[in-house]
Every structure is written in C-alpha cells, then in structure tokens.
N, C-alpha and C. Protein backbone atom coordinates (compact mmCIF):
# COMPACT_ATOMS: atom_id res chain seq x y z
N UNK A 1 0.82 -1.19 0.00
CA UNK A 1 0.00 0.00 0.00
C UNK A 1 0.87 1.26 0.00
N UNK A 2 1.90 1.28 0.84
CA UNK A 2 2.80 2.43 0.86
C UNK A 2 3.53 2.53 -0.48
N UNK A 3 3.94 1.37 -1.00
CA UNK A 3 4.64 1.36 -2.29
C UNK A 3 3.72 1.89 -3.39
N UNK A 4 2.45 1.52 -3.37
CA UNK A 4 1.49 1.98 -4.36
C UNK A 4 1.30 3.49 -4.27
N UNK A 5 1.20 4.02 -3.05
CA UNK A 5 1.05 5.45 -2.84
C UNK A 5 2.28 6.20 -3.35
N UNK A 6 3.46 5.70 -3.04
CA UNK A 6 4.70 6.34 -3.52
C UNK A 6 4.77 6.31 -5.04
N UNK A 7 4.40 5.19 -5.64
CA UNK A 7 4.44 5.06 -7.09
C UNK A 7 3.47 6.07 -7.73
N UNK A 8 2.25 6.18 -7.22
CA UNK A 8 1.28 7.13 -7.76
C UNK A 8 1.77 8.57 -7.58
N UNK A 9 2.36 8.86 -6.44
CA UNK A 9 2.90 10.21 -6.20
C UNK A 9 4.00 10.54 -7.18
N UNK A 10 4.86 9.58 -7.44
CA UNK A 10 5.95 9.77 -8.39
C UNK A 10 5.41 10.01 -9.80
N UNK A 11 4.42 9.24 -10.20
CA UNK A 11 3.81 9.40 -11.52
C UNK A 11 3.17 10.78 -11.65
N UNK A 12 2.44 11.21 -10.61
CA UNK A 12 1.81 12.53 -10.63
C UNK A 12 2.87 13.63 -10.70
N UNK A 13 3.92 13.53 -9.90
CA UNK A 13 4.98 14.54 -9.90
C UNK A 13 5.67 14.59 -11.27
N UNK A 14 5.96 13.44 -11.84
CA UNK A 14 6.59 13.38 -13.16
C UNK A 14 5.68 13.99 -14.23
N UNK A 15 4.39 13.68 -14.17
CA UNK A 15 3.43 14.24 -15.11
C UNK A 15 3.34 15.75 -15.01
N UNK A 16 3.33 16.26 -13.78
CA UNK A 16 3.30 17.73 -13.58
C UNK A 16 4.56 18.38 -14.14
N UNK A 17 5.70 17.74 -13.93
CA UNK A 17 6.96 18.26 -14.46
C UNK A 17 6.93 18.34 -15.98
N UNK A 18 6.38 17.33 -16.62
CA UNK A 18 6.28 17.34 -18.08
C UNK A 18 5.35 18.45 -18.55
N UNK A 19 4.24 18.64 -17.88
CA UNK A 19 3.30 19.71 -18.24
C UNK A 19 3.96 21.07 -18.10
N UNK A 20 4.65 21.32 -17.00
CA UNK A 20 5.34 22.59 -16.78
C UNK A 20 6.40 22.82 -17.85
N UNK A 21 7.17 21.78 -18.16
CA UNK A 21 8.21 21.89 -19.18
C UNK A 21 7.59 22.18 -20.54
N UNK A 22 6.55 21.48 -20.90
CA UNK A 22 5.89 21.69 -22.19
C UNK A 22 5.28 23.08 -22.28
N UNK A 23 4.70 23.57 -21.22
CA UNK A 23 4.13 24.91 -21.22
C UNK A 23 5.21 25.96 -21.40
N UNK A 24 6.34 25.77 -20.77
CA UNK A 24 7.46 26.71 -20.92
C UNK A 24 8.03 26.69 -22.31
N UNK A 25 8.18 25.53 -22.92
CA UNK A 25 8.73 25.42 -24.26
C UNK A 25 7.77 26.01 -25.28
N UNK A 26 6.50 25.85 -25.08
CA UNK A 26 5.51 26.35 -26.02
C UNK A 26 5.51 27.85 -26.16
N UNK A 27 5.96 28.58 -25.16
CA UNK A 27 5.93 30.03 -25.22
C UNK A 27 7.23 30.64 -25.72
N UNK A 28 8.19 29.85 -26.08
CA UNK A 28 9.48 30.37 -26.52
C UNK A 28 9.51 30.46 -28.04
N UNK A 29 9.41 31.67 -28.56
CA UNK A 29 9.56 31.93 -29.98
C UNK A 29 8.93 30.84 -30.86
N UNK A 30 7.64 30.70 -30.80
CA UNK A 30 6.95 29.66 -31.55
C UNK A 30 6.75 30.03 -33.01
N UNK A 31 6.92 31.31 -33.37
CA UNK A 31 6.76 31.72 -34.76
C UNK A 31 7.80 31.03 -35.62
N UNK A 32 7.42 30.72 -36.85
CA UNK A 32 8.35 30.03 -37.73
C UNK A 32 8.10 30.37 -39.19
N UNK A 33 9.11 30.13 -40.01
CA UNK A 33 8.99 30.35 -41.45
C UNK A 33 7.88 29.45 -41.98
N UNK A 34 7.04 30.01 -42.82
CA UNK A 34 5.91 29.27 -43.38
C UNK A 34 4.61 29.51 -42.65
N UNK A 35 4.68 30.05 -41.45
CA UNK A 35 3.49 30.32 -40.65
C UNK A 35 2.68 31.45 -41.28
N UNK A 36 1.38 31.27 -41.40
CA UNK A 36 0.51 32.33 -41.90
C UNK A 36 0.15 33.25 -40.74
N UNK A 37 0.27 34.55 -40.98
CA UNK A 37 0.05 35.54 -39.93
C UNK A 37 -1.29 36.24 -40.11
N UNK A 38 -1.81 36.72 -39.00
CA UNK A 38 -3.00 37.57 -39.01
C UNK A 38 -2.53 39.03 -39.01
N UNK A 39 -3.45 39.93 -39.22
CA UNK A 39 -3.15 41.36 -39.18
C UNK A 39 -3.93 41.98 -38.03
N UNK A 40 -3.43 41.79 -36.80
CA UNK A 40 -4.19 42.26 -35.64
C UNK A 40 -4.19 43.79 -35.54
N UNK A 41 -5.18 44.29 -34.85
CA UNK A 41 -5.26 45.73 -34.63
C UNK A 41 -4.25 46.15 -33.58
N UNK A 42 -3.41 47.12 -33.95
CA UNK A 42 -2.49 47.73 -33.00
C UNK A 42 -2.81 49.23 -33.00
N UNK A 43 -1.83 50.10 -32.88
CA UNK A 43 -2.10 51.54 -32.81
C UNK A 43 -1.15 52.29 -33.73
N UNK A 44 -1.55 53.49 -34.16
CA UNK A 44 -0.64 54.34 -34.93
C UNK A 44 0.07 55.28 -33.96
N UNK A 45 0.85 56.21 -34.49
CA UNK A 45 1.62 57.13 -33.64
C UNK A 45 0.73 58.06 -32.83
N UNK A 46 -0.49 58.29 -33.31
CA UNK A 46 -1.45 59.15 -32.61
C UNK A 46 -2.30 58.37 -31.61
N UNK A 47 -2.02 57.08 -31.46
CA UNK A 47 -2.74 56.18 -30.57
C UNK A 47 -4.14 55.83 -31.08
N UNK A 48 -4.32 55.91 -32.40
CA UNK A 48 -5.57 55.48 -33.02
C UNK A 48 -5.43 54.02 -33.46
N UNK A 49 -6.55 53.29 -33.52
CA UNK A 49 -6.48 51.90 -33.99
C UNK A 49 -5.89 51.84 -35.40
N UNK A 50 -5.04 50.84 -35.63
CA UNK A 50 -4.39 50.69 -36.94
C UNK A 50 -4.04 49.22 -37.16
N UNK A 51 -3.89 48.87 -38.41
CA UNK A 51 -3.39 47.55 -38.78
C UNK A 51 -2.20 47.76 -39.72
N UNK A 52 -1.51 46.70 -40.04
CA UNK A 52 -0.34 46.79 -40.90
C UNK A 52 -0.81 47.11 -42.32
N UNK A 53 -0.37 48.25 -42.87
CA UNK A 53 -0.80 48.62 -44.22
C UNK A 53 -0.25 47.65 -45.26
N UNK A 54 -1.01 47.43 -46.31
CA UNK A 54 -0.63 46.60 -47.45
C UNK A 54 -0.43 45.12 -47.10
N UNK A 55 -0.93 44.71 -45.97
CA UNK A 55 -0.82 43.31 -45.53
C UNK A 55 -1.60 42.42 -46.50
N UNK A 56 -0.91 41.45 -47.10
CA UNK A 56 -1.55 40.55 -48.04
C UNK A 56 -1.50 41.02 -49.48
N UNK A 57 -1.03 42.24 -49.72
CA UNK A 57 -0.92 42.75 -51.09
C UNK A 57 0.51 43.12 -51.46
N UNK A 58 1.37 43.29 -50.48
CA UNK A 58 2.77 43.66 -50.68
C UNK A 58 3.67 42.70 -49.91
N UNK A 59 4.93 42.63 -50.31
CA UNK A 59 5.94 42.00 -49.48
C UNK A 59 6.21 43.01 -48.37
N UNK A 60 6.25 42.53 -47.12
CA UNK A 60 6.41 43.43 -45.98
C UNK A 60 7.63 43.04 -45.16
N UNK A 61 8.44 44.05 -44.86
CA UNK A 61 9.55 43.89 -43.93
C UNK A 61 9.21 44.66 -42.68
N UNK A 62 8.99 43.96 -41.58
CA UNK A 62 8.53 44.59 -40.34
C UNK A 62 9.58 44.41 -39.25
N UNK A 63 9.98 45.52 -38.65
CA UNK A 63 10.89 45.48 -37.51
C UNK A 63 10.11 45.83 -36.26
N UNK A 64 10.19 44.96 -35.24
CA UNK A 64 9.45 45.12 -33.99
C UNK A 64 10.48 45.24 -32.87
N UNK A 65 10.46 46.36 -32.12
CA UNK A 65 11.43 46.50 -31.03
C UNK A 65 10.95 47.52 -30.00
N UNK A 66 11.52 47.40 -28.80
CA UNK A 66 11.25 48.41 -27.79
C UNK A 66 12.36 49.46 -27.86
N UNK A 67 12.31 50.47 -27.00
CA UNK A 67 13.27 51.57 -27.08
C UNK A 67 14.71 51.11 -26.84
N UNK A 68 14.92 50.12 -25.98
CA UNK A 68 16.27 49.65 -25.69
C UNK A 68 16.90 48.94 -26.88
N UNK A 69 16.08 48.44 -27.82
CA UNK A 69 16.59 47.70 -28.97
C UNK A 69 16.30 48.41 -30.29
N UNK A 70 15.88 49.66 -30.22
CA UNK A 70 15.41 50.38 -31.40
C UNK A 70 16.46 50.47 -32.51
N UNK A 71 17.72 50.57 -32.19
CA UNK A 71 18.76 50.74 -33.20
C UNK A 71 19.32 49.42 -33.72
N UNK A 72 18.96 48.30 -33.13
CA UNK A 72 19.53 47.02 -33.52
C UNK A 72 19.13 46.59 -34.93
N UNK A 73 18.01 47.04 -35.42
CA UNK A 73 17.57 46.70 -36.77
C UNK A 73 18.10 47.62 -37.84
N UNK A 74 18.79 48.69 -37.45
CA UNK A 74 19.26 49.68 -38.42
C UNK A 74 20.14 49.13 -39.53
N UNK A 75 21.10 48.24 -39.25
CA UNK A 75 21.93 47.75 -40.37
C UNK A 75 21.10 47.13 -41.50
N UNK A 76 20.12 46.30 -41.16
CA UNK A 76 19.27 45.71 -42.18
C UNK A 76 18.36 46.75 -42.79
N UNK A 77 17.73 47.57 -41.97
CA UNK A 77 16.79 48.56 -42.48
C UNK A 77 17.49 49.55 -43.42
N UNK A 78 18.73 49.93 -43.11
CA UNK A 78 19.49 50.83 -43.98
C UNK A 78 19.78 50.16 -45.32
N UNK A 79 20.13 48.88 -45.30
CA UNK A 79 20.40 48.14 -46.54
C UNK A 79 19.14 48.02 -47.40
N UNK A 80 18.01 47.79 -46.75
CA UNK A 80 16.74 47.70 -47.49
C UNK A 80 16.38 49.06 -48.08
N UNK A 81 16.53 50.11 -47.29
CA UNK A 81 16.21 51.46 -47.76
C UNK A 81 17.08 51.83 -48.96
N UNK A 82 18.34 51.42 -48.94
CA UNK A 82 19.27 51.72 -50.04
C UNK A 82 18.84 51.04 -51.35
N UNK A 83 18.10 49.95 -51.26
CA UNK A 83 17.62 49.25 -52.46
C UNK A 83 16.49 50.02 -53.16
N UNK A 84 15.85 50.92 -52.43
CA UNK A 84 14.78 51.75 -52.98
C UNK A 84 13.73 50.92 -53.73
N UNK A 85 13.20 49.94 -53.02
CA UNK A 85 12.20 49.05 -53.61
C UNK A 85 10.96 49.82 -54.03
N UNK A 86 10.29 49.32 -55.04
CA UNK A 86 9.06 49.89 -55.55
C UNK A 86 7.99 49.85 -54.45
N UNK A 87 7.46 51.01 -54.11
CA UNK A 87 6.46 51.11 -53.04
C UNK A 87 5.14 50.42 -53.42
N UNK A 88 4.96 50.12 -54.68
CA UNK A 88 3.76 49.42 -55.11
C UNK A 88 3.85 47.92 -54.83
N UNK A 89 5.07 47.44 -54.44
CA UNK A 89 5.26 46.02 -54.21
C UNK A 89 5.85 45.69 -52.84
N UNK A 90 6.57 46.65 -52.24
CA UNK A 90 7.24 46.39 -50.96
C UNK A 90 6.88 47.47 -49.96
N UNK A 91 6.64 47.04 -48.72
CA UNK A 91 6.35 47.98 -47.63
C UNK A 91 7.25 47.62 -46.45
N UNK A 92 8.09 48.57 -46.06
CA UNK A 92 8.89 48.42 -44.86
C UNK A 92 8.29 49.28 -43.76
N UNK A 93 8.25 48.75 -42.56
CA UNK A 93 7.71 49.54 -41.46
C UNK A 93 8.25 49.05 -40.13
N UNK A 94 8.06 49.88 -39.14
CA UNK A 94 8.45 49.54 -37.78
C UNK A 94 7.24 49.52 -36.88
N UNK A 95 7.35 48.71 -35.84
CA UNK A 95 6.31 48.68 -34.80
C UNK A 95 7.04 48.80 -33.47
N UNK A 96 6.69 49.82 -32.72
CA UNK A 96 7.32 50.07 -31.42
C UNK A 96 6.64 49.25 -30.34
N UNK A 97 7.43 48.44 -29.66
CA UNK A 97 6.98 47.63 -28.54
C UNK A 97 6.96 48.56 -27.32
N UNK A 98 5.84 49.17 -27.05
CA UNK A 98 5.75 50.14 -25.97
C UNK A 98 5.61 49.49 -24.60
N UNK A 99 5.09 48.29 -24.56
CA UNK A 99 4.88 47.59 -23.28
C UNK A 99 6.22 47.33 -22.57
N UNK A 100 7.25 46.94 -23.34
CA UNK A 100 8.56 46.62 -22.76
C UNK A 100 9.52 47.81 -22.75
N UNK A 101 9.05 48.98 -23.12
CA UNK A 101 9.89 50.17 -23.15
C UNK A 101 9.85 50.89 -21.80
N UNK A 102 10.99 51.40 -21.39
CA UNK A 102 11.09 52.08 -20.10
C UNK A 102 10.50 53.49 -20.13
N UNK A 103 10.58 54.14 -21.28
CA UNK A 103 10.10 55.53 -21.39
C UNK A 103 8.57 55.56 -21.39
N UNK A 104 8.01 56.66 -20.91
CA UNK A 104 6.55 56.81 -20.94
C UNK A 104 6.04 56.84 -22.39
N UNK A 105 4.84 56.35 -22.59
CA UNK A 105 4.28 56.27 -23.94
C UNK A 105 4.22 57.61 -24.65
N UNK A 106 3.90 58.70 -23.95
CA UNK A 106 3.79 59.98 -24.63
C UNK A 106 5.14 60.45 -25.17
N UNK A 107 6.22 60.10 -24.50
CA UNK A 107 7.55 60.45 -24.99
C UNK A 107 7.88 59.59 -26.22
N UNK A 108 7.58 58.32 -26.15
CA UNK A 108 7.84 57.42 -27.29
C UNK A 108 7.05 57.89 -28.50
N UNK A 109 5.79 58.22 -28.31
CA UNK A 109 4.95 58.69 -29.43
C UNK A 109 5.51 59.97 -30.03
N UNK A 110 6.01 60.86 -29.21
CA UNK A 110 6.60 62.10 -29.70
C UNK A 110 7.83 61.81 -30.57
N UNK A 111 8.68 60.91 -30.13
CA UNK A 111 9.87 60.53 -30.90
C UNK A 111 9.45 59.86 -32.21
N UNK A 112 8.47 58.98 -32.13
CA UNK A 112 7.98 58.28 -33.33
C UNK A 112 7.46 59.28 -34.36
N UNK A 113 6.67 60.25 -33.92
CA UNK A 113 6.13 61.25 -34.84
C UNK A 113 7.26 62.00 -35.55
N UNK A 114 8.31 62.33 -34.81
CA UNK A 114 9.46 63.00 -35.42
C UNK A 114 10.15 62.13 -36.46
N UNK A 115 10.30 60.84 -36.15
CA UNK A 115 10.94 59.91 -37.10
C UNK A 115 10.07 59.70 -38.35
N UNK A 116 8.76 59.64 -38.16
CA UNK A 116 7.86 59.47 -39.30
C UNK A 116 8.02 60.66 -40.24
N UNK A 117 8.04 61.85 -39.68
CA UNK A 117 8.18 63.06 -40.49
C UNK A 117 9.56 63.12 -41.16
N UNK A 118 10.59 62.84 -40.41
CA UNK A 118 11.97 62.94 -40.93
C UNK A 118 12.25 61.92 -42.02
N UNK A 119 11.84 60.66 -41.78
CA UNK A 119 12.18 59.58 -42.71
C UNK A 119 11.05 59.21 -43.67
N UNK A 120 9.88 59.87 -43.53
CA UNK A 120 8.72 59.54 -44.36
C UNK A 120 8.44 58.04 -44.30
N UNK A 121 8.37 57.53 -43.08
CA UNK A 121 8.20 56.10 -42.86
C UNK A 121 6.92 55.82 -42.09
N UNK A 122 6.59 54.54 -42.01
CA UNK A 122 5.43 54.09 -41.25
C UNK A 122 5.94 53.43 -39.97
N UNK A 123 5.50 53.96 -38.84
CA UNK A 123 5.83 53.37 -37.55
C UNK A 123 4.54 53.26 -36.76
N UNK A 124 4.20 52.04 -36.41
CA UNK A 124 3.01 51.79 -35.60
C UNK A 124 3.45 51.51 -34.16
N UNK A 125 2.49 51.39 -33.26
CA UNK A 125 2.82 51.13 -31.86
C UNK A 125 2.00 49.95 -31.34
N UNK A 126 2.62 49.24 -30.41
CA UNK A 126 1.98 48.08 -29.78
C UNK A 126 2.07 48.27 -28.27
N UNK A 127 0.95 48.64 -27.67
CA UNK A 127 0.96 48.98 -26.25
C UNK A 127 0.83 47.77 -25.32
N UNK A 128 0.40 46.63 -25.85
CA UNK A 128 0.15 45.50 -24.96
C UNK A 128 0.63 44.15 -25.51
N UNK A 129 1.69 44.19 -26.32
CA UNK A 129 2.30 42.97 -26.89
C UNK A 129 1.34 42.20 -27.79
N UNK A 130 0.51 42.91 -28.52
CA UNK A 130 -0.45 42.27 -29.41
C UNK A 130 0.24 41.42 -30.47
N UNK A 131 1.28 41.97 -31.14
CA UNK A 131 1.94 41.19 -32.19
C UNK A 131 2.63 39.94 -31.66
N UNK A 132 3.43 40.04 -30.59
CA UNK A 132 4.05 38.80 -30.10
C UNK A 132 3.02 37.73 -29.71
N UNK A 133 1.90 38.16 -29.15
CA UNK A 133 0.86 37.20 -28.77
C UNK A 133 0.20 36.60 -30.00
N UNK A 134 -0.17 37.43 -30.96
CA UNK A 134 -0.88 36.96 -32.16
C UNK A 134 0.01 36.10 -33.05
N UNK A 135 1.28 36.43 -33.11
CA UNK A 135 2.19 35.74 -34.03
C UNK A 135 3.07 34.69 -33.35
N UNK A 136 2.96 34.54 -32.03
CA UNK A 136 3.77 33.56 -31.32
C UNK A 136 5.25 33.91 -31.26
N UNK A 137 5.55 35.19 -31.12
CA UNK A 137 6.95 35.63 -31.11
C UNK A 137 7.66 35.39 -29.79
N UNK A 138 6.91 35.16 -28.73
CA UNK A 138 7.55 34.94 -27.43
C UNK A 138 8.07 36.23 -26.84
N UNK A 139 9.14 36.14 -26.08
CA UNK A 139 9.72 37.28 -25.37
C UNK A 139 10.48 38.18 -26.35
N UNK A 140 10.00 39.40 -26.51
CA UNK A 140 10.63 40.37 -27.42
C UNK A 140 11.32 41.49 -26.66
N UNK A 141 11.35 41.42 -25.35
CA UNK A 141 11.94 42.48 -24.54
C UNK A 141 13.42 42.63 -24.86
N UNK A 142 13.82 43.86 -25.15
CA UNK A 142 15.20 44.22 -25.48
C UNK A 142 15.73 43.48 -26.70
N UNK A 143 14.84 43.13 -27.61
CA UNK A 143 15.20 42.48 -28.87
C UNK A 143 14.59 43.28 -30.02
N UNK A 144 15.26 43.23 -31.14
CA UNK A 144 14.70 43.74 -32.38
C UNK A 144 14.35 42.51 -33.20
N UNK A 145 13.09 42.42 -33.59
CA UNK A 145 12.61 41.27 -34.34
C UNK A 145 12.29 41.73 -35.76
N UNK A 146 12.90 41.06 -36.73
CA UNK A 146 12.60 41.35 -38.13
C UNK A 146 11.79 40.19 -38.70
N UNK A 147 10.64 40.53 -39.30
CA UNK A 147 9.79 39.53 -39.91
C UNK A 147 9.58 39.93 -41.37
N UNK A 148 9.96 39.05 -42.28
CA UNK A 148 9.70 39.25 -43.71
C UNK A 148 8.45 38.45 -44.04
N UNK A 149 7.44 39.16 -44.55
CA UNK A 149 6.13 38.55 -44.81
C UNK A 149 5.84 38.65 -46.30
N UNK A 150 5.48 37.53 -46.89
CA UNK A 150 5.12 37.51 -48.31
C UNK A 150 3.71 38.01 -48.54
N UNK A 151 3.38 38.19 -49.82
CA UNK A 151 2.01 38.59 -50.18
C UNK A 151 0.98 37.56 -49.74
N UNK A 152 1.45 36.33 -49.53
CA UNK A 152 0.56 35.26 -49.08
C UNK A 152 0.35 35.27 -47.56
N UNK A 153 0.86 36.31 -46.89
CA UNK A 153 0.72 36.51 -45.44
C UNK A 153 1.53 35.51 -44.62
N UNK A 154 2.49 34.84 -45.27
CA UNK A 154 3.31 33.85 -44.58
C UNK A 154 4.69 34.39 -44.27
N UNK A 155 5.24 33.94 -43.14
CA UNK A 155 6.59 34.33 -42.73
C UNK A 155 7.59 33.71 -43.71
N UNK A 156 8.41 34.55 -44.29
CA UNK A 156 9.46 34.10 -45.20
C UNK A 156 10.82 34.09 -44.51
N UNK A 157 10.97 34.96 -43.50
CA UNK A 157 12.23 35.05 -42.76
C UNK A 157 11.91 35.67 -41.41
N UNK A 158 12.62 35.22 -40.39
CA UNK A 158 12.40 35.71 -39.03
C UNK A 158 13.73 35.71 -38.30
N UNK A 159 14.07 36.84 -37.69
CA UNK A 159 15.33 36.91 -36.92
C UNK A 159 15.14 37.82 -35.71
N UNK A 160 15.62 37.33 -34.58
CA UNK A 160 15.68 38.11 -33.35
C UNK A 160 17.11 38.59 -33.19
N UNK A 161 17.31 39.89 -33.01
CA UNK A 161 18.64 40.40 -32.72
C UNK A 161 18.63 41.04 -31.35
N UNK A 162 19.74 40.97 -30.69
CA UNK A 162 19.94 41.70 -29.44
C UNK A 162 21.40 42.15 -29.42
N UNK A 163 21.83 42.70 -28.32
CA UNK A 163 23.20 43.24 -28.27
C UNK A 163 24.25 42.17 -28.47
N UNK A 164 23.93 40.92 -28.16
CA UNK A 164 24.89 39.82 -28.32
C UNK A 164 24.80 39.12 -29.67
N UNK A 165 23.70 39.34 -30.41
CA UNK A 165 23.53 38.69 -31.71
C UNK A 165 23.08 39.72 -32.75
N UNK A 166 23.99 40.61 -33.15
CA UNK A 166 23.63 41.62 -34.16
C UNK A 166 23.56 41.02 -35.56
N UNK A 167 23.11 41.81 -36.50
CA UNK A 167 23.06 41.39 -37.90
C UNK A 167 24.46 41.21 -38.45
N UNK A 168 24.69 40.15 -39.20
CA UNK A 168 25.94 39.97 -39.91
C UNK A 168 25.73 40.40 -41.37
N UNK A 169 26.80 40.68 -42.07
CA UNK A 169 26.71 41.06 -43.49
C UNK A 169 26.06 39.94 -44.30
N UNK A 170 26.42 38.70 -44.00
CA UNK A 170 25.85 37.56 -44.72
C UNK A 170 24.34 37.48 -44.52
N UNK A 171 23.87 37.70 -43.29
CA UNK A 171 22.43 37.66 -43.02
C UNK A 171 21.70 38.79 -43.75
N UNK A 172 22.29 39.97 -43.74
CA UNK A 172 21.68 41.11 -44.44
C UNK A 172 21.58 40.80 -45.93
N UNK A 173 22.66 40.29 -46.52
CA UNK A 173 22.64 39.94 -47.95
C UNK A 173 21.60 38.87 -48.24
N UNK A 174 21.45 37.91 -47.35
CA UNK A 174 20.47 36.85 -47.52
C UNK A 174 19.05 37.42 -47.53
N UNK A 175 18.75 38.35 -46.62
CA UNK A 175 17.42 38.96 -46.57
C UNK A 175 17.17 39.79 -47.83
N UNK A 176 18.16 40.55 -48.26
CA UNK A 176 18.01 41.36 -49.48
C UNK A 176 17.71 40.44 -50.67
N UNK A 177 18.43 39.32 -50.77
CA UNK A 177 18.18 38.36 -51.86
C UNK A 177 16.78 37.77 -51.77
N UNK A 178 16.31 37.49 -50.56
CA UNK A 178 14.95 36.96 -50.38
C UNK A 178 13.92 37.98 -50.85
N UNK A 179 14.11 39.24 -50.46
CA UNK A 179 13.17 40.28 -50.88
C UNK A 179 13.18 40.39 -52.40
N UNK A 180 14.37 40.41 -52.99
CA UNK A 180 14.46 40.48 -54.46
C UNK A 180 13.68 39.33 -55.10
N UNK A 181 13.88 38.11 -54.58
CA UNK A 181 13.19 36.94 -55.14
C UNK A 181 11.67 37.04 -54.96
N UNK A 182 11.23 37.48 -53.78
CA UNK A 182 9.79 37.62 -53.54
C UNK A 182 9.16 38.66 -54.46
N UNK A 183 9.88 39.72 -54.74
CA UNK A 183 9.34 40.78 -55.60
C UNK A 183 9.30 40.36 -57.06
N UNK A 184 10.10 39.38 -57.44
CA UNK A 184 10.09 38.86 -58.81
C UNK A 184 8.88 37.98 -59.07
N UNK A 185 8.35 37.36 -58.01
CA UNK A 185 7.20 36.46 -58.15
C UNK A 185 5.93 37.27 -58.38
N UNK A 186 5.02 36.70 -59.13
CA UNK A 186 3.74 37.37 -59.39
C UNK A 186 2.85 37.39 -58.15
N UNK A 187 2.87 36.27 -57.38
CA UNK A 187 2.05 36.21 -56.16
C UNK A 187 2.69 35.43 -55.09
C-alpha cells in the first residue's frame, strides 16, 4: 500500500513536471517560417487603432522593437532602404513595442512622430504585446525582431537580434536576396 502510494505520487509529480516543461517550451519563440500571420489591430503614432498597411498585397519587412533595442535593426533597415524598392510592391515599417519600453508612452509617441516626419516612414505602436501574442513571437523584450512577410501573409524570414547577436553582413545579404526573389514572383 505504501509502495502503491509512492508510485502514484511519483507518476503525478513526473506528469506535472512534463506539463510545466511543455508549457514553458511552447511560449518560446513559436513563430516560424511558413506560418501564416494575421493582421491584428495595434495603434498608430497618434494612438488610433491601426493595422499593418498593405498586408496581403505587398511584401512586408517589419521590424518590432522596444526603445532599448530600437537601433539594432538599423543595419538591415538601412540596406533595405538603399535598395529603394518599388512602393507598389514592398512595404517596410516599424512597430514600437511600448509595453517593454522604459520611457513613458507619450515620450515614445513624440519621438515616433518626429521619425515618421523625418524619414517619411510608417511606424506603428503596440501597447500590450499584441503582435508577439498573435504571431507567437515569445519574449521580445530588449530584442529587435525582423519579420519578412510575403504577399501570401506567410513568414518568409524571421530573426531576433539583441546586443549579443547583431546582424551579420551575410544575413543582411540573404534577406536582401529573399526580398528580391519575392518581388520577382507574381504572387
């Protein structure tokens, strides 16, 4: 009887450990190449409801980061901007992760408005981690996440950068080649 009780306790403990482990693994960067994405409602720089423009009609390069990681995507974004892709086929944009940012939202929005005006770019805001939740990106705090999305709404490329894993020249060239290939396709 004691042996039976110990055996059942061990089985229950082992089962709980597996459940905890599986739950933890499931939340770690579950997004993957080939995954079809939704276009959830986030916010624009004025804090109005917004969605990703041209989603499903253009190839989209989206950089998602908080203020601590805002510059980590610049090497790739500068290379893409230098290509001067046709705006009728390619849309590059940024989404500010405001939830994980240390600065108050009104300061971040003010900076974003200045960058939009200066660079003539699209920058949206995410106040409650809507994109990571909807797309299964996991923990994006202090990371710059680049997602290349095809016209078919599927992830073509995904990379998380942080201070320890910046963009390499080879990775940048690979992304540029992918964008070129995607823009050559009819659909």
